[in-house]
Amino acid sequence: MQQIEWEEFQRVELRVGTVLSAALNEKALKPAYVLQVDLGELGVKQSSAQLTAHYQCAQLLGRQVLCVCNFAAKRIAGVRSEVLVTGVYDADNKVVLASFDKPVANGARLV
């Protein structure tokens, strides 16, 4: 494993947001949702996320997620994805969201 310096890690803006809406992205080649995520002081940002294997749209509403907020926006299947919603792959190569066990403020930064 390659090590990085603390300053490098600090450059990645990992912040908490709450999913306000989730809808199937009909244009995506791989099933994905278009999410609107409230990131507090950063505002509401859009993301395209391949979460359909484990989550229905209704299950995502109100859920707090951890987002990388300082990647450049990227167009994915017709959607301008402004943040990366984080998760890990399970044994079946399906995404499981990174989450919190207690509510925290939208926009809070991972430290």
PDB file of N, CA and C in Angstrom:
ATOM      1  N   MET A   1       0.834  -1.162   0.000  1.00  0.00           N
ATOM      2  CA  MET A   1       0.000   0.000   0.000  1.00  0.00           C
ATOM      3  C   MET A   1       0.893   1.243   0.000  1.00  0.00           C
ATOM      4  N   GLN A   2       0.569   2.154  -0.888  1.00  0.00           N
ATOM      5  CA  GLN A   2       1.326   3.397  -0.978  1.00  0.00           C
ATOM      6  C   GLN A   2       0.845   4.367   0.099  1.00  0.00           C
ATOM      7  N   GLN A   3       1.762   4.942   0.834  1.00  0.00           N
ATOM      8  CA  GLN A   3       1.405   5.900   1.867  1.00  0.00           C
ATOM      9  C   GLN A   3       1.373   7.313   1.306  1.00  0.00           C
ATOM     10  N   ILE A   4       0.513   8.144   1.919  1.00  0.00           N
ATOM     11  CA  ILE A   4       0.438   9.547   1.542  1.00  0.00           C
ATOM     12  C   ILE A   4       0.682  10.396   2.787  1.00  0.00           C
ATOM     13  N   GLU A   5       0.991  11.635   2.570  1.00  0.00           N
ATOM     14  CA  GLU A   5       1.179  12.567   3.678  1.00  0.00           C
ATOM     15  C   GLU A   5      -0.172  13.120   4.119  1.00  0.00           C
ATOM     16  N   TRP A   6      -0.262  13.570   5.381  1.00  0.00           N
ATOM     17  CA  TRP A   6      -1.491  14.121   5.935  1.00  0.00           C
ATOM     18  C   TRP A   6      -2.026  15.252   5.074  1.00  0.00           C
ATOM     19  N   GLU A   7      -1.156  16.105   4.567  1.00  0.00           N
ATOM     20  CA  GLU A   7      -1.558  17.247   3.750  1.00  0.00           C
ATOM     21  C   GLU A   7      -2.287  16.790   2.484  1.00  0.00           C
ATOM     22  N   GLU A   8      -1.860  15.661   1.914  1.00  0.00           N
ATOM     23  CA  GLU A   8      -2.531  15.125   0.730  1.00  0.00           C
ATOM     24  C   GLU A   8      -3.955  14.695   1.069  1.00  0.00           C
ATOM     25  N   PHE A   9      -4.132  14.014   2.190  1.00  0.00           N
ATOM     26  CA  PHE A   9      -5.461  13.579   2.619  1.00  0.00           C
ATOM     27  C   PHE A   9      -6.366  14.784   2.863  1.00  0.00           C
ATOM     28  N   GLN A  10      -5.824  15.831   3.471  1.00  0.00           N
ATOM     29  CA  GLN A  10      -6.614  17.016   3.771  1.00  0.00           C
ATOM     30  C   GLN A  10      -7.127  17.719   2.519  1.00  0.00           C
ATOM     31  N   ARG A  11      -6.498  17.501   1.396  1.00  0.00           N
ATOM     32  CA  ARG A  11      -6.955  18.111   0.152  1.00  0.00           C
ATOM     33  C   ARG A  11      -8.281  17.522  -0.329  1.00  0.00           C
ATOM     34  N   VAL A  12      -8.602  16.300   0.084  1.00  0.00           N
ATOM     35  CA  VAL A  12      -9.854  15.659  -0.326  1.00  0.00           C
ATOM     36  C   VAL A  12     -10.971  16.149   0.602  1.00  0.00           C
ATOM     37  N   GLU A  13     -11.958  16.809   0.035  1.00  0.00           N
ATOM     38  CA  GLU A  13     -13.088  17.335   0.810  1.00  0.00           C
ATOM     39  C   GLU A  13     -14.168  16.266   0.917  1.00  0.00           C
ATOM     40  N   LEU A  14     -14.139  15.529   1.999  1.00  0.00           N
ATOM     41  CA  LEU A  14     -15.152  14.517   2.281  1.00  0.00           C
ATOM     42  C   LEU A  14     -16.159  15.139   3.242  1.00  0.00           C
ATOM     43  N   ARG A  15     -17.401  15.300   2.763  1.00  0.00           N
ATOM     44  CA  ARG A  15     -18.422  15.979   3.557  1.00  0.00           C
ATOM     45  C   ARG A  15     -19.717  15.173   3.593  1.00  0.00           C
ATOM     46  N   VAL A  16     -20.470  15.407   4.659  1.00  0.00           N
ATOM     47  CA  VAL A  16     -21.744  14.731   4.874  1.00  0.00           C
ATOM     48  C   VAL A  16     -22.854  15.500   4.168  1.00  0.00           C
ATOM     49  N   GLY A  17     -23.736  14.756   3.532  1.00  0.00           N
ATOM     50  CA  GLY A  17     -24.917  15.348   2.923  1.00  0.00           C
ATOM     51  C   GLY A  17     -26.118  14.448   3.128  1.00  0.00           C
ATOM     52  N   THR A  18     -27.294  15.034   2.984  1.00  0.00           N
ATOM     53  CA  THR A  18     -28.539  14.279   3.110  1.00  0.00           C
ATOM     54  C   THR A  18     -29.203  14.186   1.749  1.00  0.00           C
ATOM     55  N   VAL A  19     -29.594  12.984   1.361  1.00  0.00           N
ATOM     56  CA  VAL A  19     -30.245  12.768   0.067  1.00  0.00           C
ATOM     57  C   VAL A  19     -31.647  13.370   0.120  1.00  0.00           C
ATOM     58  N   LEU A  20     -31.897  14.332  -0.766  1.00  0.00           N
ATOM     59  CA  LEU A  20     -33.205  14.986  -0.862  1.00  0.00           C
ATOM     60  C   LEU A  20     -34.117  14.305  -1.868  1.00  0.00           C
ATOM     61  N   SER A  21     -33.511  13.795  -2.955  1.00  0.00           N
ATOM     62  CA  SER A  21     -34.301  13.091  -3.969  1.00  0.00           C
ATOM     63  C   SER A  21     -33.435  12.060  -4.665  1.00  0.00           C
ATOM     64  N   ALA A  22     -34.099  11.050  -5.185  1.00  0.00           N
ATOM     65  CA  ALA A  22     -33.430   9.977  -5.922  1.00  0.00           C
ATOM     66  C   ALA A  22     -34.364   9.529  -7.038  1.00  0.00           C
ATOM     67  N   ALA A  23     -33.826   9.435  -8.242  1.00  0.00           N
ATOM     68  CA  ALA A  23     -34.622   8.992  -9.392  1.00  0.00           C
ATOM     69  C   ALA A  23     -33.748   8.144 -10.299  1.00  0.00           C
ATOM     70  N   LEU A  24     -34.347   7.163 -10.929  1.00  0.00           N
ATOM     71  CA  LEU A  24     -33.618   6.308 -11.852  1.00  0.00           C
ATOM     72  C   LEU A  24     -33.115   7.125 -13.029  1.00  0.00           C
ATOM     73  N   ASN A  25     -31.863   6.935 -13.405  1.00  0.00           N
ATOM     74  CA  ASN A  25     -31.307   7.592 -14.589  1.00  0.00           C
ATOM     75  C   ASN A  25     -31.576   6.683 -15.784  1.00  0.00           C
ATOM     76  N   GLU A  26     -32.569   7.026 -16.558  1.00  0.00           N
ATOM     77  CA  GLU A  26     -33.006   6.214 -17.697  1.00  0.00           C
ATOM     78  C   GLU A  26     -31.940   6.107 -18.791  1.00  0.00           C
ATOM     79  N   LYS A  27     -31.000   7.058 -18.845  1.00  0.00           N
ATOM     80  CA  LYS A  27     -29.978   7.067 -19.893  1.00  0.00           C
ATOM     81  C   LYS A  27     -28.736   6.245 -19.540  1.00  0.00           C
ATOM     82  N   ALA A  28     -28.608   5.838 -18.305  1.00  0.00           N
ATOM     83  CA  ALA A  28     -27.411   5.128 -17.859  1.00  0.00           C
ATOM     84  C   ALA A  28     -27.338   3.725 -18.456  1.00  0.00           C
ATOM     85  N   LEU A  29     -26.163   3.341 -18.923  1.00  0.00           N
ATOM     86  CA  LEU A  29     -25.957   1.986 -19.435  1.00  0.00           C
ATOM     87  C   LEU A  29     -25.989   0.974 -18.294  1.00  0.00           C
ATOM     88  N   LYS A  30     -25.358   1.325 -17.166  1.00  0.00           N
ATOM     89  CA  LYS A  30     -25.432   0.515 -15.951  1.00  0.00           C
ATOM     90  C   LYS A  30     -26.455   1.198 -15.050  1.00  0.00           C
ATOM     91  N   PRO A  31     -27.368   0.457 -14.443  1.00  0.00           N
ATOM     92  CA  PRO A  31     -28.413   1.080 -13.629  1.00  0.00           C
ATOM     93  C   PRO A  31     -27.831   2.031 -12.580  1.00  0.00           C
ATOM     94  N   ALA A  32     -28.401   3.232 -12.525  1.00  0.00           N
ATOM     95  CA  ALA A  32     -27.915   4.263 -11.608  1.00  0.00           C
ATOM     96  C   ALA A  32     -29.051   5.204 -11.237  1.00  0.00           C
ATOM     97  N   TYR A  33     -28.861   5.874 -10.120  1.00  0.00           N
ATOM     98  CA  TYR A  33     -29.791   6.901  -9.671  1.00  0.00           C
ATOM     99  C   TYR A  33     -29.165   8.279  -9.838  1.00  0.00           C
ATOM    100  N   VAL A  34     -30.022   9.265 -10.054  1.00  0.00           N
ATOM    101  CA  VAL A  34     -29.626  10.660  -9.982  1.00  0.00           C
ATOM    102  C   VAL A  34     -30.062  11.132  -8.606  1.00  0.00           C
ATOM    103  N   LEU A  35     -29.102  11.577  -7.813  1.00  0.00           N
ATOM    104  CA  LEU A  35     -29.372  12.026  -6.458  1.00  0.00           C
ATOM    105  C   LEU A  35     -29.201  13.529  -6.339  1.00  0.00           C
ATOM    106  N   GLN A  36     -30.046  14.159  -5.535  1.00  0.00           N
ATOM    107  CA  GLN A  36     -29.853  15.536  -5.111  1.00  0.00           C
ATOM    108  C   GLN A  36     -29.464  15.437  -3.637  1.00  0.00           C
ATOM    109  N   VAL A  37     -28.287  16.005  -3.306  1.00  0.00           N
ATOM    110  CA  VAL A  37     -27.739  15.865  -1.960  1.00  0.00           C
ATOM    111  C   VAL A  37     -27.533  17.243  -1.338  1.00  0.00           C
ATOM    112  N   ASP A  38     -28.128  17.453  -0.160  1.00  0.00           N
ATOM    113  CA  ASP A  38     -27.966  18.708   0.575  1.00  0.00           C
ATOM    114  C   ASP A  38     -26.665  18.644   1.362  1.00  0.00           C
ATOM    115  N   LEU A  39     -25.712  19.505   0.972  1.00  0.00           N
ATOM    116  CA  LEU A  39     -24.403  19.538   1.620  1.00  0.00           C
ATOM    117  C   LEU A  39     -24.227  20.793   2.473  1.00  0.00           C
ATOM    118  N   GLY A  40     -25.305  21.265   3.050  1.00  0.00           N
ATOM    119  CA  GLY A  40     -25.229  22.407   3.956  1.00  0.00           C
ATOM    120  C   GLY A  40     -24.738  23.655   3.266  1.00  0.00           C
ATOM    121  N   GLU A  41     -23.666  24.240   3.794  1.00  0.00           N
ATOM    122  CA  GLU A  41     -23.120  25.497   3.265  1.00  0.00           C
ATOM    123  C   GLU A  41     -22.675  25.395   1.809  1.00  0.00           C
ATOM    124  N   LEU A  42     -22.433  24.180   1.323  1.00  0.00           N
ATOM    125  CA  LEU A  42     -22.026  23.999  -0.081  1.00  0.00           C
ATOM    126  C   LEU A  42     -23.222  23.972  -1.021  1.00  0.00           C
ATOM    127  N   GLY A  43     -24.420  23.891  -0.462  1.00  0.00           N
ATOM    128  CA  GLY A  43     -25.635  23.864  -1.268  1.00  0.00           C
ATOM    129  C   GLY A  43     -26.053  22.452  -1.642  1.00  0.00           C
ATOM    130  N   VAL A  44     -27.018  22.382  -2.539  1.00  0.00           N
ATOM    131  CA  VAL A  44     -27.524  21.095  -3.030  1.00  0.00           C
ATOM    132  C   VAL A  44     -26.733  20.731  -4.281  1.00  0.00           C
ATOM    133  N   LYS A  45     -26.175  19.539  -4.276  1.00  0.00           N
ATOM    134  CA  LYS A  45     -25.364  19.059  -5.395  1.00  0.00           C
ATOM    135  C   LYS A  45     -25.982  17.788  -5.968  1.00  0.00           C
ATOM    136  N   GLN A  46     -25.707  17.556  -7.239  1.00  0.00           N
ATOM    137  CA  GLN A  46     -26.244  16.391  -7.945  1.00  0.00           C
ATOM    138  C   GLN A  46     -25.159  15.329  -8.097  1.00  0.00           C
ATOM    139  N   SER A  47     -25.583  14.078  -8.056  1.00  0.00           N
ATOM    140  CA  SER A  47     -24.659  12.968  -8.244  1.00  0.00           C
ATOM    141  C   SER A  47     -25.343  11.839  -8.995  1.00  0.00           C
ATOM    142  N   SER A  48     -24.582  11.135  -9.819  1.00  0.00           N
ATOM    143  CA  SER A  48     -25.048   9.909 -10.444  1.00  0.00           C
ATOM    144  C   SER A  48     -24.379   8.773  -9.693  1.00  0.00           C
ATOM    145  N   ALA A  49     -25.176   7.833  -9.183  1.00  0.00           N
ATOM    146  CA  ALA A  49     -24.620   6.782  -8.334  1.00  0.00           C
ATOM    147  C   ALA A  49     -25.217   5.425  -8.677  1.00  0.00           C
ATOM    148  N   GLN A  50     -24.363   4.423  -8.817  1.00  0.00           N
ATOM    149  CA  GLN A  50     -24.795   3.061  -9.119  1.00  0.00           C
ATOM    150  C   GLN A  50     -25.136   2.326  -7.819  1.00  0.00           C
ATOM    151  N   LEU A  51     -26.312   2.621  -7.301  1.00  0.00           N
ATOM    152  CA  LEU A  51     -26.747   2.084  -6.016  1.00  0.00           C
ATOM    153  C   LEU A  51     -27.973   1.193  -6.115  1.00  0.00           C
ATOM    154  N   THR A  52     -28.385   0.872  -7.322  1.00  0.00           N
ATOM    155  CA  THR A  52     -29.672   0.199  -7.523  1.00  0.00           C
ATOM    156  C   THR A  52     -29.711  -1.237  -6.999  1.00  0.00           C
ATOM    157  N   ALA A  53     -28.574  -1.875  -6.818  1.00  0.00           N
ATOM    158  CA  ALA A  53     -28.556  -3.273  -6.372  1.00  0.00           C
ATOM    159  C   ALA A  53     -29.065  -3.429  -4.935  1.00  0.00           C
ATOM    160  N   HIS A  54     -28.730  -2.478  -4.071  1.00  0.00           N
ATOM    161  CA  HIS A  54     -29.081  -2.596  -2.654  1.00  0.00           C
ATOM    162  C   HIS A  54     -30.112  -1.591  -2.168  1.00  0.00           C
ATOM    163  N   TYR A  55     -30.411  -0.566  -2.967  1.00  0.00           N
ATOM    164  CA  TYR A  55     -31.256   0.523  -2.480  1.00  0.00           C
ATOM    165  C   TYR A  55     -32.352   0.876  -3.469  1.00  0.00           C
ATOM    166  N   GLN A  56     -33.561   1.071  -2.955  1.00  0.00           N
ATOM    167  CA  GLN A  56     -34.666   1.639  -3.725  1.00  0.00           C
ATOM    168  C   GLN A  56     -34.620   3.150  -3.501  1.00  0.00           C
ATOM    169  N   CYS A  57     -35.197   3.922  -4.428  1.00  0.00           N
ATOM    170  CA  CYS A  57     -35.206   5.381  -4.296  1.00  0.00           C
ATOM    171  C   CYS A  57     -35.725   5.816  -2.931  1.00  0.00           C
ATOM    172  N   ALA A  58     -36.823   5.252  -2.500  1.00  0.00           N
ATOM    173  CA  ALA A  58     -37.441   5.650  -1.232  1.00  0.00           C
ATOM    174  C   ALA A  58     -36.523   5.399  -0.037  1.00  0.00           C
ATOM    175  N   GLN A  59     -35.679   4.366  -0.111  1.00  0.00           N
ATOM    176  CA  GLN A  59     -34.755   4.060   0.982  1.00  0.00           C
ATOM    177  C   GLN A  59     -33.635   5.096   1.089  1.00  0.00           C
ATOM    178  N   LEU A  60     -33.386   5.807   0.018  1.00  0.00           N
ATOM    179  CA  LEU A  60     -32.292   6.786   0.010  1.00  0.00           C
ATOM    180  C   LEU A  60     -32.720   8.143   0.545  1.00  0.00           C
ATOM    181  N   LEU A  61     -34.003   8.443   0.459  1.00  0.00           N
ATOM    182  CA  LEU A  61     -34.495   9.752   0.893  1.00  0.00           C
ATOM    183  C   LEU A  61     -34.237   9.967   2.378  1.00  0.00           C
ATOM    184  N   GLY A  62     -33.595  11.085   2.703  1.00  0.00           N
ATOM    185  CA  GLY A  62     -33.284  11.410   4.089  1.00  0.00           C
ATOM    186  C   GLY A  62     -32.039  10.741   4.627  1.00  0.00           C
ATOM    187  N   ARG A  63     -31.433   9.883   3.849  1.00  0.00           N
ATOM    188  CA  ARG A  63     -30.237   9.165   4.294  1.00  0.00           C
ATOM    189  C   ARG A  63     -29.018  10.080   4.205  1.00  0.00           C
ATOM    190  N   GLN A  64     -28.170  10.027   5.215  1.00  0.00           N
ATOM    191  CA  GLN A  64     -26.927  10.794   5.168  1.00  0.00           C
ATOM    192  C   GLN A  64     -25.849   9.961   4.502  1.00  0.00           C
ATOM    193  N   VAL A  65     -25.108  10.619   3.608  1.00  0.00           N
ATOM    194  CA  VAL A  65     -24.063   9.967   2.841  1.00  0.00           C
ATOM    195  C   VAL A  65     -22.780  10.785   2.939  1.00  0.00           C
ATOM    196  N   LEU A  66     -21.663  10.155   2.637  1.00  0.00           N
ATOM    197  CA  LEU A  66     -20.363  10.821   2.635  1.00  0.00           C
ATOM    198  C   LEU A  66     -19.966  11.066   1.189  1.00  0.00           C
ATOM    199  N   CYS A  67     -19.677  12.328   0.866  1.00  0.00           N
ATOM    200  CA  CYS A  67     -19.398  12.713  -0.518  1.00  0.00           C
ATOM    201  C   CYS A  67     -18.013  13.331  -0.671  1.00  0.00           C
ATOM    202  N   VAL A  68     -17.360  13.022  -1.780  1.00  0.00           N
ATOM    203  CA  VAL A  68     -16.163  13.758  -2.178  1.00  0.00           C
ATOM    204  C   VAL A  68     -16.678  14.973  -2.931  1.00  0.00           C
ATOM    205  N   CYS A  69     -16.356  16.158  -2.413  1.00  0.00           N
ATOM    206  CA  CYS A  69     -16.955  17.381  -2.944  1.00  0.00           C
ATOM    207  C   CYS A  69     -16.029  18.205  -3.831  1.00  0.00           C
ATOM    208  N   ASN A  70     -14.746  17.874  -3.889  1.00  0.00           N
ATOM    209  CA  ASN A  70     -13.853  18.712  -4.675  1.00  0.00           C
ATOM    210  C   ASN A  70     -13.262  18.025  -5.903  1.00  0.00           C
ATOM    211  N   PHE A  71     -13.948  17.023  -6.420  1.00  0.00           N
ATOM    212  CA  PHE A  71     -13.634  16.526  -7.761  1.00  0.00           C
ATOM    213  C   PHE A  71     -14.276  17.485  -8.763  1.00  0.00           C
ATOM    214  N   ALA A  72     -13.699  17.576  -9.937  1.00  0.00           N
ATOM    215  CA  ALA A  72     -14.338  18.350 -11.002  1.00  0.00           C
ATOM    216  C   ALA A  72     -15.647  17.660 -11.391  1.00  0.00           C
ATOM    217  N   ALA A  73     -16.658  18.455 -11.726  1.00  0.00           N
ATOM    218  CA  ALA A  73     -17.931  17.884 -12.179  1.00  0.00           C
ATOM    219  C   ALA A  73     -17.680  17.025 -13.413  1.00  0.00           C
ATOM    220  N   LYS A  74     -18.477  15.963 -13.541  1.00  0.00           N
ATOM    221  CA  LYS A  74     -18.301  15.014 -14.645  1.00  0.00           C
ATOM    222  C   LYS A  74     -19.669  14.670 -15.216  1.00  0.00           C
ATOM    223  N   ARG A  75     -19.789  14.620 -16.531  1.00  0.00           N
ATOM    224  CA  ARG A  75     -21.051  14.246 -17.160  1.00  0.00           C
ATOM    225  C   ARG A  75     -21.099  12.721 -17.267  1.00  0.00           C
ATOM    226  N   ILE A  76     -22.142  12.147 -16.664  1.00  0.00           N
ATOM    227  CA  ILE A  76     -22.318  10.695 -16.658  1.00  0.00           C
ATOM    228  C   ILE A  76     -23.725  10.394 -17.149  1.00  0.00           C
ATOM    229  N   ALA A  77     -23.831   9.750 -18.285  1.00  0.00           N
ATOM    230  CA  ALA A  77     -25.128   9.357 -18.859  1.00  0.00           C
ATOM    231  C   ALA A  77     -26.114  10.521 -18.870  1.00  0.00           C
ATOM    232  N   GLY A  78     -25.636  11.671 -19.335  1.00  0.00           N
ATOM    233  CA  GLY A  78     -26.499  12.838 -19.463  1.00  0.00           C
ATOM    234  C   GLY A  78     -26.695  13.644 -18.189  1.00  0.00           C
ATOM    235  N   VAL A  79     -26.058  13.232 -17.098  1.00  0.00           N
ATOM    236  CA  VAL A  79     -26.210  13.898 -15.806  1.00  0.00           C
ATOM    237  C   VAL A  79     -24.896  14.586 -15.433  1.00  0.00           C
ATOM    238  N   ARG A  80     -25.009  15.825 -14.985  1.00  0.00           N
ATOM    239  CA  ARG A  80     -23.823  16.527 -14.473  1.00  0.00           C
ATOM    240  C   ARG A  80     -23.631  16.109 -13.021  1.00  0.00           C
ATOM    241  N   SER A  81     -22.677  15.215 -12.786  1.00  0.00           N
ATOM    242  CA  SER A  81     -22.409  14.705 -11.448  1.00  0.00           C
ATOM    243  C   SER A  81     -21.391  15.630 -10.782  1.00  0.00           C
ATOM    244  N   GLU A  82     -21.829  16.284  -9.699  1.00  0.00           N
ATOM    245  CA  GLU A  82     -21.013  17.309  -9.036  1.00  0.00           C
ATOM    246  C   GLU A  82     -20.261  16.790  -7.817  1.00  0.00           C
ATOM    247  N   VAL A  83     -20.713  15.694  -7.245  1.00  0.00           N
ATOM    248  CA  VAL A  83     -20.049  15.088  -6.094  1.00  0.00           C
ATOM    249  C   VAL A  83     -20.037  13.572  -6.278  1.00  0.00           C
ATOM    250  N   LEU A  84     -19.095  12.926  -5.615  1.00  0.00           N
ATOM    251  CA  LEU A  84     -19.014  11.468  -5.624  1.00  0.00           C
ATOM    252  C   LEU A  84     -19.537  10.954  -4.291  1.00  0.00           C
ATOM    253  N   VAL A  85     -20.615  10.199  -4.333  1.00  0.00           N
ATOM    254  CA  VAL A  85     -21.164   9.565  -3.136  1.00  0.00           C
ATOM    255  C   VAL A  85     -20.328   8.313  -2.886  1.00  0.00           C
ATOM    256  N   THR A  86     -19.810   8.156  -1.659  1.00  0.00           N
ATOM    257  CA  THR A  86     -18.864   7.081  -1.383  1.00  0.00           C
ATOM    258  C   THR A  86     -19.535   5.807  -0.880  1.00  0.00           C
ATOM    259  N   GLY A  87     -18.868   4.722  -1.125  1.00  0.00           N
ATOM    260  CA  GLY A  87     -19.300   3.410  -0.672  1.00  0.00           C
ATOM    261  C   GLY A  87     -18.198   2.405  -0.944  1.00  0.00           C
ATOM    262  N   VAL A  88     -18.480   1.157  -0.665  1.00  0.00           N
ATOM    263  CA  VAL A  88     -17.537   0.072  -0.930  1.00  0.00           C
ATOM    264  C   VAL A  88     -18.271  -1.045  -1.662  1.00  0.00           C
ATOM    265  N   TYR A  89     -17.511  -1.864  -2.363  1.00  0.00           N
ATOM    266  CA  TYR A  89     -18.096  -3.012  -3.052  1.00  0.00           C
ATOM    267  C   TYR A  89     -18.228  -4.184  -2.090  1.00  0.00           C
ATOM    268  N   ASP A  90     -19.367  -4.865  -2.163  1.00  0.00           N
ATOM    269  CA  ASP A  90     -19.552  -6.077  -1.371  1.00  0.00           C
ATOM    270  C   ASP A  90     -18.993  -7.279  -2.142  1.00  0.00           C
ATOM    271  N   ALA A  91     -19.227  -8.476  -1.645  1.00  0.00           N
ATOM    272  CA  ALA A  91     -18.699  -9.699  -2.264  1.00  0.00           C
ATOM    273  C   ALA A  91     -19.226  -9.915  -3.679  1.00  0.00           C
ATOM    274  N   ASP A  92     -20.395  -9.327  -4.001  1.00  0.00           N
ATOM    275  CA  ASP A  92     -20.984  -9.459  -5.335  1.00  0.00           C
ATOM    276  C   ASP A  92     -20.679  -8.270  -6.235  1.00  0.00           C
ATOM    277  N   ASN A  93     -19.739  -7.431  -5.806  1.00  0.00           N
ATOM    278  CA  ASN A  93     -19.322  -6.254  -6.576  1.00  0.00           C
ATOM    279  C   ASN A  93     -20.441  -5.217  -6.718  1.00  0.00           C
ATOM    280  N   LYS A  94     -21.289  -5.115  -5.702  1.00  0.00           N
ATOM    281  CA  LYS A  94     -22.378  -4.129  -5.644  1.00  0.00           C
ATOM    282  C   LYS A  94     -22.027  -3.106  -4.568  1.00  0.00           C
ATOM    283  N   VAL A  95     -22.397  -1.845  -4.797  1.00  0.00           N
ATOM    284  CA  VAL A  95     -22.017  -0.773  -3.888  1.00  0.00           C
ATOM    285  C   VAL A  95     -22.882  -0.748  -2.629  1.00  0.00           C
ATOM    286  N   VAL A  96     -22.195  -0.672  -1.481  1.00  0.00           N
ATOM    287  CA  VAL A  96     -22.818  -0.464  -0.177  1.00  0.00           C
ATOM    288  C   VAL A  96     -22.357   0.922   0.282  1.00  0.00           C
ATOM    289  N   LEU A  97     -23.300   1.789   0.607  1.00  0.00           N
ATOM    290  CA  LEU A  97     -22.985   3.160   0.978  1.00  0.00           C
ATOM    291  C   LEU A  97     -22.192   3.261   2.275  1.00  0.00           C
ATOM    292  N   ALA A  98     -21.253   4.216   2.307  1.00  0.00           N
ATOM    293  CA  ALA A  98     -20.625   4.611   3.566  1.00  0.00           C
ATOM    294  C   ALA A  98     -21.692   5.390   4.328  1.00  0.00           C
ATOM    295  N   SER A  99     -21.808   5.155   5.625  1.00  0.00           N
ATOM    296  CA  SER A  99     -22.892   5.813   6.368  1.00  0.00           C
ATOM    297  C   SER A  99     -22.454   6.134   7.785  1.00  0.00           C
ATOM    298  N   PHE A 100     -23.359   6.760   8.526  1.00  0.00           N
ATOM    299  CA  PHE A 100     -23.096   7.208   9.884  1.00  0.00           C
ATOM    300  C   PHE A 100     -24.097   6.570  10.829  1.00  0.00           C
ATOM    301  N   ASP A 101     -23.683   6.344  12.075  1.00  0.00           N
ATOM    302  CA  ASP A 101     -24.603   5.740  13.034  1.00  0.00           C
ATOM    303  C   ASP A 101     -25.349   6.771  13.868  1.00  0.00           C
ATOM    304  N   LYS A 102     -24.983   8.055  13.724  1.00  0.00           N
ATOM    305  CA  LYS A 102     -25.696   9.144  14.395  1.00  0.00           C
ATOM    306  C   LYS A 102     -25.834  10.295  13.399  1.00  0.00           C
ATOM    307  N   PRO A 103     -26.913  11.087  13.499  1.00  0.00           N
ATOM    308  CA  PRO A 103     -27.072  12.230  12.594  1.00  0.00           C
ATOM    309  C   PRO A 103     -25.992  13.282  12.843  1.00  0.00           C
ATOM    310  N   VAL A 104     -25.518  13.869  11.767  1.00  0.00           N
ATOM    311  CA  VAL A 104     -24.549  14.967  11.844  1.00  0.00           C
ATOM    312  C   VAL A 104     -25.001  16.072  10.900  1.00  0.00           C
ATOM    313  N   ALA A 105     -24.417  17.239  11.041  1.00  0.00           N
ATOM    314  CA  ALA A 105     -24.821  18.398  10.238  1.00  0.00           C
ATOM    315  C   ALA A 105     -24.429  18.213   8.778  1.00  0.00           C
ATOM    316  N   ASN A 106     -25.326  18.597   7.880  1.00  0.00           N
ATOM    317  CA  ASN A 106     -24.998  18.602   6.455  1.00  0.00           C
ATOM    318  C   ASN A 106     -23.818  19.542   6.238  1.00  0.00           C
ATOM    319  N   GLY A 107     -22.867  19.080   5.455  1.00  0.00           N
ATOM    320  CA  GLY A 107     -21.682  19.875   5.174  1.00  0.00           C
ATOM    321  C   GLY A 107     -20.533  19.588   6.118  1.00  0.00           C
ATOM    322  N   ALA A 108     -20.779  18.812   7.197  1.00  0.00           N
ATOM    323  CA  ALA A 108     -19.698  18.485   8.129  1.00  0.00           C
ATOM    324  C   ALA A 108     -18.600  17.748   7.381  1.00  0.00           C
ATOM    325  N   ARG A 109     -17.370  18.101   7.698  1.00  0.00           N
ATOM    326  CA  ARG A 109     -16.228  17.527   6.996  1.00  0.00           C
ATOM    327  C   ARG A 109     -15.631  16.367   7.784  1.00  0.00           C
ATOM    328  N   LEU A 110     -15.299  15.302   7.068  1.00  0.00           N
ATOM    329  CA  LEU A 110     -14.624  14.160   7.679  1.00  0.00           C
ATOM    330  C   LEU A 110     -13.252  14.612   8.145  1.00  0.00           C
ATOM    331  N   VAL A 111     -12.913  14.268   9.374  1.00  0.00           N
ATOM    332  CA  VAL A 111     -11.621  14.694   9.933  1.00  0.00           C
ATOM    333  C   VAL A 111     -10.785  13.484  10.295  1.00  0.00           C
TER     334      VAL A 111
END
